[in-house]
Protein backbone atom coordinates (compact mmCIF):
# COMPACT_ATOMS: atom_id res chain seq x y z
CA MET A 1 22.30 8.22 14.35
CA PHE A 2 20.49 11.52 13.85
CA ARG A 3 17.36 10.50 15.77
CA ASN A 4 16.87 12.81 18.74
CA PRO A 5 15.49 12.52 22.28
CA LEU A 6 11.72 13.03 22.43
CA SER A 7 11.97 16.52 23.89
CA VAL A 8 14.20 17.69 21.04
CA ILE A 9 11.88 16.11 18.45
CA CYS A 10 8.89 17.92 19.97
CA LEU A 11 10.80 21.22 19.81
CA TRP A 12 11.64 20.51 16.16
CA LEU A 13 8.02 19.72 15.28
CA THR A 14 6.87 22.94 16.94
CA CYS A 15 9.39 24.87 14.90
CA LEU A 16 8.32 23.23 11.65
CA ALA A 17 4.67 24.02 12.34
CA ALA A 18 5.34 27.78 12.26
CA PRO A 19 5.53 28.73 8.56
CA ALA A 20 7.83 31.40 7.22
CA LEU A 21 6.20 34.54 5.88
CA ALA A 22 7.75 34.28 2.44
CA LEU A 23 10.22 32.31 0.40
CA SER A 24 13.85 33.04 1.19
CA PRO A 25 16.32 34.00 -1.57
CA GLU A 26 17.72 30.46 -1.33
CA GLU A 27 14.24 29.02 -1.82
CA ASP A 28 13.65 31.35 -4.76
CA ALA A 29 16.84 30.01 -6.33
CA VAL A 30 15.61 26.45 -5.89
CA SER A 31 12.30 27.37 -7.52
CA VAL A 32 14.11 28.87 -10.51
CA ALA A 33 16.31 25.77 -10.78
CA VAL A 34 13.20 23.58 -10.95
CA GLU A 35 11.82 25.59 -13.86
CA GLU A 36 15.13 25.31 -15.68
CA GLY A 37 15.10 21.53 -15.31
CA VAL A 38 11.54 20.82 -16.48
CA ALA A 39 12.37 20.20 -20.15
CA ARG A 40 15.22 17.79 -19.37
CA TYR A 41 13.20 15.75 -16.88
CA THR A 42 10.15 15.66 -19.13
CA GLY A 43 12.44 13.83 -21.53
CA VAL A 44 13.44 11.39 -18.77
CA LEU A 45 9.77 10.78 -18.07
CA GLU A 46 9.05 10.04 -21.73
CA ARG A 47 11.89 7.52 -21.88
CA ALA A 48 10.68 5.81 -18.70
CA VAL A 49 7.04 5.63 -19.81
CA ASN A 50 8.05 4.13 -23.16
CA ILE A 51 9.62 1.13 -21.41
CA ASN A 52 6.98 -1.40 -20.41
CA SER A 53 7.47 -2.30 -16.77
CA GLY A 54 4.44 -4.32 -15.80
CA SER A 55 5.22 -5.99 -12.49
CA MET A 56 5.84 -9.39 -14.07
CA ASN A 57 7.84 -8.01 -17.01
CA LEU A 58 11.01 -8.49 -15.00
CA ALA A 59 13.34 -7.38 -17.76
CA GLY A 60 11.31 -4.22 -18.32
CA VAL A 61 11.30 -3.32 -14.64
CA ARG A 62 15.09 -3.78 -14.54
CA GLN A 63 15.46 -1.59 -17.62
CA VAL A 64 13.49 1.24 -16.01
CA GLY A 65 15.59 0.72 -12.90
CA GLU A 66 18.76 1.16 -14.96
CA LEU A 67 17.40 4.38 -16.45
CA PHE A 68 16.68 5.86 -13.03
CA ALA A 69 19.94 4.50 -11.58
CA ASP A 70 21.82 6.51 -14.19
CA GLU A 71 19.86 9.64 -13.27
CA PHE A 72 20.53 9.26 -9.55
CA SER A 73 24.20 8.51 -10.20
CA ALA A 74 24.44 11.76 -12.17
CA LEU A 75 23.27 13.56 -9.01
CA GLY A 76 26.02 11.97 -6.94
CA PHE A 77 24.08 9.02 -5.49
CA GLN A 78 25.56 5.58 -5.01
CA ALA A 79 22.99 3.31 -6.67
CA ARG A 80 22.64 -0.45 -6.33
CA TRP A 81 20.16 -3.07 -7.50
CA VAL A 82 18.51 -5.45 -5.02
CA ASP A 83 17.88 -8.70 -6.86
CA GLY A 84 14.23 -9.79 -6.69
CA GLU A 85 14.68 -13.50 -7.39
CA PRO A 86 14.17 -14.45 -3.69
CA PHE A 87 10.69 -12.88 -3.77
CA GLY A 88 9.71 -13.62 -7.36
CA ARG A 89 10.02 -10.14 -8.85
CA ALA A 90 12.58 -8.04 -10.73
CA GLY A 91 13.99 -6.28 -7.67
CA HIS A 92 14.43 -2.78 -6.27
CA LEU A 93 16.65 0.24 -6.94
CA VAL A 94 18.29 1.69 -3.83
CA ALA A 95 20.34 4.90 -3.99
CA ARG A 96 22.16 6.72 -1.20
CA ARG A 97 23.83 10.11 -0.82
CA GLY A 98 25.15 12.35 1.96
CA GLU A 99 26.72 11.99 5.38
CA ARG A 100 25.26 14.93 7.34
CA GLY A 101 21.91 16.51 8.00
CA PRO A 102 18.50 14.94 8.60
CA LYS A 103 18.06 11.36 7.42
CA ILE A 104 15.31 11.27 4.81
CA LEU A 105 13.89 8.33 2.87
CA LEU A 106 12.39 9.06 -0.55
CA ILE A 107 10.04 6.38 -1.90
CA GLY A 108 8.84 5.49 -5.39
CA HIS A 109 8.28 2.44 -7.57
CA LEU A 110 9.30 1.21 -11.00
CA ASP A 111 6.50 -1.20 -11.96
CA THR A 112 3.08 -0.54 -13.47
CA VAL A 113 -0.16 -2.50 -13.82
CA PHE A 114 0.23 -2.76 -17.62
CA ALA A 115 1.54 -6.13 -18.80
CA SER A 116 4.00 -6.48 -21.67
CA ASP A 117 1.16 -7.40 -24.06
CA SER A 118 -1.02 -4.43 -23.11
CA PRO A 119 -2.01 -2.21 -26.05
CA PHE A 120 -1.24 0.80 -23.83
CA GLN A 121 2.51 1.28 -24.24
CA ARG A 122 3.58 4.79 -25.24
CA PHE A 123 3.99 8.38 -24.06
CA GLU A 124 1.44 10.38 -26.06
CA ARG A 125 0.68 14.09 -25.91
CA VAL A 126 -3.04 14.82 -25.57
CA ASP A 127 -2.85 18.61 -25.66
CA GLU A 128 -0.56 21.42 -24.54
CA HIS A 129 -0.69 20.42 -20.88
CA HIS A 130 -1.65 16.75 -20.78
CA VAL A 131 0.16 13.52 -21.61
CA ARG A 132 -1.20 9.98 -21.69
CA GLY A 133 0.96 6.98 -20.91
CA PRO A 134 1.22 3.76 -18.89
CA GLY A 135 2.40 4.54 -15.38
CA ILE A 136 2.84 8.24 -16.13
CA THR A 137 1.24 9.24 -12.83
CA ASP A 138 1.47 5.89 -11.04
CA MET A 139 4.28 6.42 -10.70
CA LYS A 140 7.05 7.13 -13.13
CA GLY A 141 6.01 10.76 -12.96
CA GLY A 142 6.51 10.72 -9.19
CA ASN A 143 10.04 9.39 -9.63
CA VAL A 144 10.74 12.25 -12.03
CA VAL A 145 9.30 14.81 -9.59
CA MET A 146 11.77 13.42 -7.07
CA LEU A 147 14.70 13.73 -9.49
CA LEU A 148 13.76 17.25 -10.56
CA ALA A 149 13.54 18.40 -6.93
CA LEU A 150 16.91 16.85 -6.07
CA SER A 151 18.51 18.33 -9.18
CA ALA A 152 17.30 21.80 -8.17
CA LEU A 153 18.69 21.37 -4.66
CA ARG A 154 22.03 20.31 -6.09
CA GLN A 155 22.12 23.33 -8.39
CA ALA A 156 21.41 25.55 -5.37
CA GLY A 157 24.25 23.92 -3.43
CA VAL A 158 22.03 22.34 -0.76
CA LEU A 159 22.03 18.64 -1.61
CA ASP A 160 25.21 17.95 0.38
CA GLU A 161 23.40 19.01 3.56
CA LEU A 162 21.00 16.06 3.43
CA GLN A 163 21.41 12.36 4.15
CA LEU A 164 19.18 10.65 1.62
CA GLN A 165 18.15 7.15 0.76
CA VAL A 166 15.95 6.47 -2.25
CA VAL A 167 14.05 3.20 -2.61
CA LEU A 168 12.25 2.57 -5.90
CA THR A 169 10.54 -0.79 -5.55
CA GLY A 170 9.86 -3.12 -8.45
CA ASP A 171 6.76 -4.80 -7.04
CA GLU A 172 4.46 -2.12 -5.66
CA GLU A 173 1.62 -3.07 -7.98
CA LEU A 174 2.00 -6.82 -7.40
CA ARG A 175 3.89 -7.57 -4.20
CA GLY A 176 6.50 -10.27 -4.11
CA LYS A 177 6.34 -13.04 -1.54
CA PRO A 178 7.32 -13.59 1.17
CA LEU A 179 6.59 -10.03 2.25
CA ALA A 180 9.43 -9.96 4.77
CA VAL A 181 11.92 -10.60 1.98
CA ALA A 182 10.22 -8.37 -0.61
CA ASN A 183 10.10 -5.45 1.84
CA ALA A 184 13.50 -5.90 3.46
CA ALA A 185 15.29 -3.09 1.58
CA LEU A 186 12.46 -0.62 2.18
CA VAL A 187 12.11 -1.44 5.87
CA GLU A 188 15.87 -1.29 6.39
CA ALA A 189 15.98 2.18 4.86
CA ALA A 190 12.99 3.30 6.96
CA ARG A 191 14.66 2.15 10.18
CA TRP A 192 17.67 4.26 9.22
CA ALA A 193 15.59 7.35 8.41
CA ASP A 194 13.95 10.05 10.51
CA ILE A 195 11.47 11.12 7.81
CA ALA A 196 9.81 9.30 4.90
CA ILE A 197 8.44 11.07 1.82
CA GLY A 198 6.49 9.20 -0.86
CA PHE A 199 6.01 10.39 -4.42
CA GLU A 200 2.84 8.49 -5.32
CA ASP A 201 0.04 10.54 -6.89
CA GLY A 202 -2.40 10.23 -3.98
CA ASP A 203 -5.89 11.01 -5.19
CA GLY A 204 -4.58 12.93 -8.20
CA ASP A 205 -5.37 16.35 -6.73
CA PRO A 206 -2.44 18.75 -6.10
CA ALA A 207 -4.51 20.36 -3.34
CA THR A 208 -4.12 17.20 -1.25
CA ALA A 209 -1.38 15.06 0.25
CA VAL A 210 -1.45 11.77 2.15
CA ILE A 211 -0.69 11.51 5.85
CA SER A 212 -2.83 8.41 6.47
CA ARG A 213 -3.32 5.32 4.35
CA ARG A 214 -5.50 2.34 5.00
CA GLY A 215 -3.79 -1.01 4.99
CA ALA A 216 -4.73 -3.75 2.55
CA SER A 217 -4.77 -7.34 3.77
CA SER A 218 -6.60 -10.48 2.73
CA TRP A 219 -8.72 -13.16 4.36
CA ARG A 220 -10.21 -16.51 3.45
CA LEU A 221 -13.29 -18.23 4.78
CA ALA A 222 -13.84 -21.99 4.37
CA VAL A 223 -17.25 -23.34 5.42
CA SER A 224 -18.49 -26.92 5.50
CA GLY A 225 -21.99 -28.31 5.99
CA ARG A 226 -23.77 -31.64 5.96
CA PRO A 227 -24.75 -32.69 2.41
CA ALA A 228 -28.18 -34.20 1.94
CA HIS A 229 -31.23 -34.04 -0.31
CA SER A 230 -32.41 -30.44 -0.57
CA SER A 231 -35.87 -31.40 0.66
CA GLN A 232 -34.33 -32.02 4.07
CA VAL A 233 -32.60 -28.64 4.49
CA PHE A 234 -33.19 -26.95 7.89
CA ARG A 235 -33.91 -30.26 9.63
CA GLU A 236 -32.46 -30.31 13.14
CA ASP A 237 -30.25 -33.31 12.36
CA ILE A 238 -29.04 -31.89 8.99
CA GLY A 239 -28.85 -28.12 9.36
CA ASP A 240 -28.67 -25.27 6.86
CA GLY A 241 -25.72 -26.38 4.74
CA ALA A 242 -22.60 -24.48 3.73
CA ALA A 243 -24.23 -21.94 1.43
CA PHE A 244 -26.64 -20.60 4.04
CA GLU A 245 -23.91 -20.64 6.70
CA VAL A 246 -21.48 -18.61 4.59
CA ALA A 247 -24.26 -16.13 3.84
CA ARG A 248 -25.05 -15.88 7.57
CA ILE A 249 -21.41 -15.22 8.47
CA LEU A 250 -20.94 -12.54 5.79
CA THR A 251 -24.15 -10.80 6.84
CA ALA A 252 -23.15 -10.92 10.51
CA TRP A 253 -19.77 -9.41 9.68
CA ARG A 254 -21.44 -6.60 7.77
CA GLU A 255 -23.83 -5.82 10.60
CA ALA A 256 -21.04 -5.86 13.19
CA LEU A 257 -18.53 -3.73 11.26
CA ARG A 258 -20.50 -1.45 8.95
CA GLU A 259 -20.38 1.52 11.37
CA GLU A 260 -16.57 1.42 11.75
CA ASP A 261 -15.26 4.66 10.23
CA ASN A 262 -12.76 4.06 7.39
CA LEU A 263 -13.01 0.27 7.70
CA THR A 264 -14.11 -1.79 4.71
CA PHE A 265 -14.05 -5.51 3.95
CA ASN A 266 -15.09 -7.20 0.75
CA PRO A 267 -15.82 -10.80 -0.28
CA GLY A 268 -14.31 -10.69 -3.72
CA ALA A 269 -14.92 -14.28 -4.87
CA LEU A 270 -17.25 -16.97 -3.51
CA VAL A 271 -18.07 -20.55 -4.52
CA ALA A 272 -20.50 -22.94 -2.83
CA GLY A 273 -21.70 -26.41 -3.76
CA THR A 274 -20.83 -30.08 -3.52
CA ASP A 275 -17.27 -29.83 -4.86
CA VAL A 276 -15.53 -26.45 -4.79
CA LEU A 277 -12.09 -25.04 -5.55
CA LEU A 278 -11.00 -21.41 -5.18
CA GLU A 279 -7.35 -20.49 -5.54
CA PRO A 280 -6.19 -17.96 -2.89
CA ASP A 281 -3.84 -16.00 -5.17
CA SER A 282 -5.36 -16.02 -8.66
CA GLY A 283 -8.99 -16.02 -7.51
CA ARG A 284 -9.87 -18.63 -10.13
CA GLY A 285 -12.33 -21.27 -9.02
CA THR A 286 -14.49 -24.19 -10.02
CA VAL A 287 -17.70 -25.50 -8.52
CA PHE A 288 -20.06 -28.42 -8.95
CA GLY A 289 -23.43 -28.58 -7.27
CA LYS A 290 -27.06 -29.43 -7.90
CA SER A 291 -30.21 -27.58 -6.98
CA ASN A 292 -31.53 -30.65 -5.15
CA VAL A 293 -28.40 -31.18 -3.01
CA ILE A 294 -27.52 -29.18 0.12
CA ALA A 295 -24.16 -27.46 -0.36
CA ARG A 296 -21.34 -29.38 1.29
CA ALA A 297 -18.71 -26.60 1.12
CA ALA A 298 -18.20 -22.90 0.49
CA LEU A 299 -15.02 -20.87 -0.01
CA VAL A 300 -14.60 -17.08 0.00
CA ASN A 301 -11.56 -14.93 -0.80
CA GLY A 302 -11.73 -11.37 0.44
CA GLY A 303 -9.87 -8.23 1.44
CA ILE A 304 -9.96 -5.82 4.36
CA ARG A 305 -8.77 -2.23 4.70
CA ALA A 306 -8.31 -0.44 8.02
CA VAL A 307 -6.88 2.94 8.96
CA SER A 308 -4.88 1.86 12.01
CA PRO A 309 -3.32 -1.33 13.37
CA GLN A 310 -5.72 -1.19 16.32
CA GLN A 311 -8.77 -0.96 14.06
CA LEU A 312 -7.53 -3.86 11.97
CA GLU A 313 -6.89 -5.98 15.06
CA ARG A 314 -10.40 -5.31 16.40
CA ALA A 315 -12.04 -6.07 13.06
CA VAL A 316 -10.15 -9.32 12.53
CA ALA A 317 -11.01 -10.45 16.06
CA THR A 318 -14.69 -9.74 15.41
CA MET A 319 -14.64 -11.62 12.11
CA ARG A 320 -12.89 -14.58 13.68
CA ASP A 321 -15.36 -14.76 16.61
CA ILE A 322 -18.40 -14.63 14.32
CA ALA A 323 -16.96 -17.28 12.00
CA ALA A 324 -16.30 -19.58 14.95
CA ASP A 325 -19.88 -19.40 16.29
CA ASN A 326 -21.48 -21.77 13.79
CA SER A 327 -24.99 -22.92 13.07
CA PRO A 328 -25.70 -26.61 13.84
CA HIS A 329 -23.91 -29.14 11.62
CA THR A 330 -21.65 -26.52 10.01
CA GLN A 331 -18.06 -25.48 10.59
CA ALA A 332 -16.08 -22.47 9.41
CA GLU A 333 -12.38 -21.65 9.31
CA PHE A 334 -11.32 -17.99 9.02
CA THR A 335 -7.75 -17.22 7.89
CA PHE A 336 -6.20 -13.72 7.89
CA SER A 337 -3.12 -12.90 5.78
CA GLU A 338 -1.17 -9.72 6.44
CA GLY A 339 -0.53 -7.40 3.51
CA TYR A 340 0.07 -3.66 3.47
CA PRO A 341 -0.10 -2.33 7.05
CA PRO A 342 -2.19 0.73 7.90
CA MET A 343 -0.46 4.12 8.00
CA PRO A 344 -2.27 6.07 10.73
CA ALA A 345 -2.17 9.85 10.92
CA THR A 346 0.31 10.93 13.59
CA ASP A 347 1.29 14.28 15.07
CA GLY A 348 4.54 14.09 13.13
CA ASN A 349 2.70 13.46 9.86
CA ARG A 350 0.31 16.34 10.55
CA THR A 351 3.22 18.66 11.26
CA LEU A 352 4.92 17.69 8.02
CA LEU A 353 1.69 18.42 6.15
CA ALA A 354 1.43 21.82 7.87
CA MET A 355 4.94 22.61 6.69
CA TYR A 356 4.13 21.44 3.17
CA THR A 357 0.93 23.48 2.95
CA ALA A 358 2.76 26.61 4.15
CA ILE A 359 5.30 26.14 1.36
CA SER A 360 2.52 25.65 -1.17
CA GLU A 361 0.80 28.84 -0.12
CA GLU A 362 4.03 30.82 -0.25
CA LEU A 363 4.62 29.53 -3.78
CA GLY A 364 1.14 30.73 -4.72
CA TYR A 365 -0.38 27.25 -5.18
CA GLY A 366 -2.79 27.43 -2.25
CA PRO A 367 -3.22 25.19 0.80
CA VAL A 368 -2.86 21.41 0.81
CA ALA A 369 -5.33 19.28 2.77
CA ALA A 370 -5.02 15.69 3.96
CA VAL A 371 -6.59 13.12 1.65
CA ASN A 372 -9.53 11.21 3.06
CA PRO A 373 -8.08 7.73 3.75
CA ARG A 374 -11.03 6.21 1.84
CA ARG A 375 -9.64 7.86 -1.31
CA ALA A 376 -6.04 6.68 -0.98
CA GLY A 377 -5.07 3.06 -1.43
CA ALA A 378 -2.19 1.26 0.21
CA ALA A 379 1.34 2.07 -0.98
CA ASP A 380 5.00 1.43 -0.26
CA ILE A 381 5.15 4.12 2.40
CA SER A 382 2.78 2.00 4.50
CA PHE A 383 5.69 -0.36 5.21
CA ALA A 384 7.97 2.53 6.20
CA ALA A 385 5.74 4.86 8.21
CA ALA A 386 5.88 2.96 11.50
CA HIS A 387 9.66 3.28 11.60
CA VAL A 388 10.01 7.07 11.17
CA ASP A 389 9.03 10.15 13.14
CA MET A 390 7.25 11.86 10.24
CA ALA A 391 5.81 10.63 6.95
CA ILE A 392 3.93 12.13 4.00
CA ASP A 393 2.96 10.76 0.60
CA GLY A 394 1.15 11.88 -2.53
CA LEU A 395 3.82 14.37 -3.66
CA GLY A 396 4.07 12.96 -7.18
CA LEU A 397 2.87 13.96 -10.64
CA MET A 398 -0.87 14.57 -10.71
CA GLY A 399 -3.51 13.54 -13.22
CA GLN A 400 -6.32 11.07 -13.63
CA GLY A 401 -7.23 7.62 -14.87
CA GLY A 402 -4.58 5.65 -13.00
CA HIS A 403 -4.57 1.88 -13.67
CA THR A 404 -6.53 2.43 -16.90
CA VAL A 405 -5.67 3.14 -20.54
CA GLU A 406 -6.78 6.71 -19.87
CA GLU A 407 -3.96 7.40 -17.40
CA ILE A 408 -3.23 11.07 -18.12
CA ALA A 409 -0.81 13.43 -16.39
CA ASP A 410 -1.24 17.17 -16.05
CA MET A 411 2.29 18.29 -16.87
CA ARG A 412 1.72 21.67 -15.25
CA THR A 413 1.99 19.84 -11.94
CA LEU A 414 5.56 18.66 -12.65
CA PRO A 415 7.25 21.96 -11.70
CA MET A 416 4.62 22.60 -9.00
CA GLN A 417 5.23 19.33 -7.24
CA ALA A 418 9.01 19.49 -7.66
CA LYS A 419 9.17 23.00 -6.17
CA ARG A 420 7.07 22.04 -3.17
CA ALA A 421 9.13 18.89 -2.56
CA ALA A 422 12.48 20.61 -3.01
CA ILE A 423 11.64 23.45 -0.63
CA LEU A 424 10.23 20.97 1.88
CA LEU A 425 13.59 19.18 1.86
CA LEU A 426 15.40 22.51 2.14
CA ARG A 427 13.39 23.57 5.17
CA LEU A 428 13.95 20.21 6.80
CA VAL A 429 17.66 21.06 6.53
CA ARG A 430 17.42 24.64 7.69
CA GLN A 431 15.02 24.04 10.58
CA ALA A 432 16.33 20.71 11.87
CA PRO A 433 18.03 20.70 15.28
CA HIS A 434 21.67 19.76 15.28
CA PRO A 435 22.50 16.46 16.98
CA SER A 436 24.18 16.78 20.34
């Protein structure tokens, strides 16, 4: 395994933090190769965008997977399909290449948020530089940035010096269950790797990249109270009822957690009354109650986002303690369900960003800053980051309007992002210590 003793890793990180003064002739050749490949890979992007691959359009996701499998195979990768039936989705594309050099995991996804019956289906040019299309930035464009960068490295004769695994998931927008099964291929690849690089679009700004992502998990609160005629509410032997108790708990959570930097929680759906039903997954609910009857039950589905595992643990403990300390004649049950884990900023991630920003400046694109975690949602790399020494995300195709019918890519960022990614991979080869 390529992973090194801590002292060697620290020496490597120090080396990576010191940027070169200018691009080398080899790096110039890679940059030229990217420009030469833009037209071809724009065509690949158009073909991918024109295939609907909403998360639950399993056939469409597989079809996009086949398209990208062919492209990776043409670059010398061994590609295989991980069947998604065990976790209720189409599956994942995994591709592998190389037997020497640093072990690097490249991450993307095949699915989009646009269902097969969405009116938003086609690649459409808006003007000279902009293209509209479903998933064009999130994230079929990121997959194409990845391919263009790898193609340029192959043309420059460098690709054989890297050990690469690519994981393009088929359920990033709507995760399969159970998570342990849905994420198995990604986590396995991360445990193999030293470095993880994600090609999501971050906040859509090429002047930023992602070295920290907040996790995204869910919770459920079930509250019960003593039903009675509403004229008797607040009596010592009857209490406040479920509606007031759920309001008290939510307010207490807000007061206790509102000052936590980068922590947010949200009650997304709430029902309270005599008879209530609220489905945990779909969020659909029904309720019956009367204005002259004290609410017998209340149910809330919600989400929570934290920037580190420690912050999440503290917040969940606080929420659980508050929910357990009930008003008279009420009870509450708080349930936490793990989702996307937090990706905290680490020294390794910061060093990788420093290397990336130096490359960007040498290419003439200017510095790259870390995205505020409040502006970057959870993503596949969140499941990989804890297993590698260094991780960075947000290196994909940039634009605006993600998850809407106005999802538009700025195609000028295709060569920009591919050059920065390709030279980052090249420098990881040239500046990596050799294993003892």
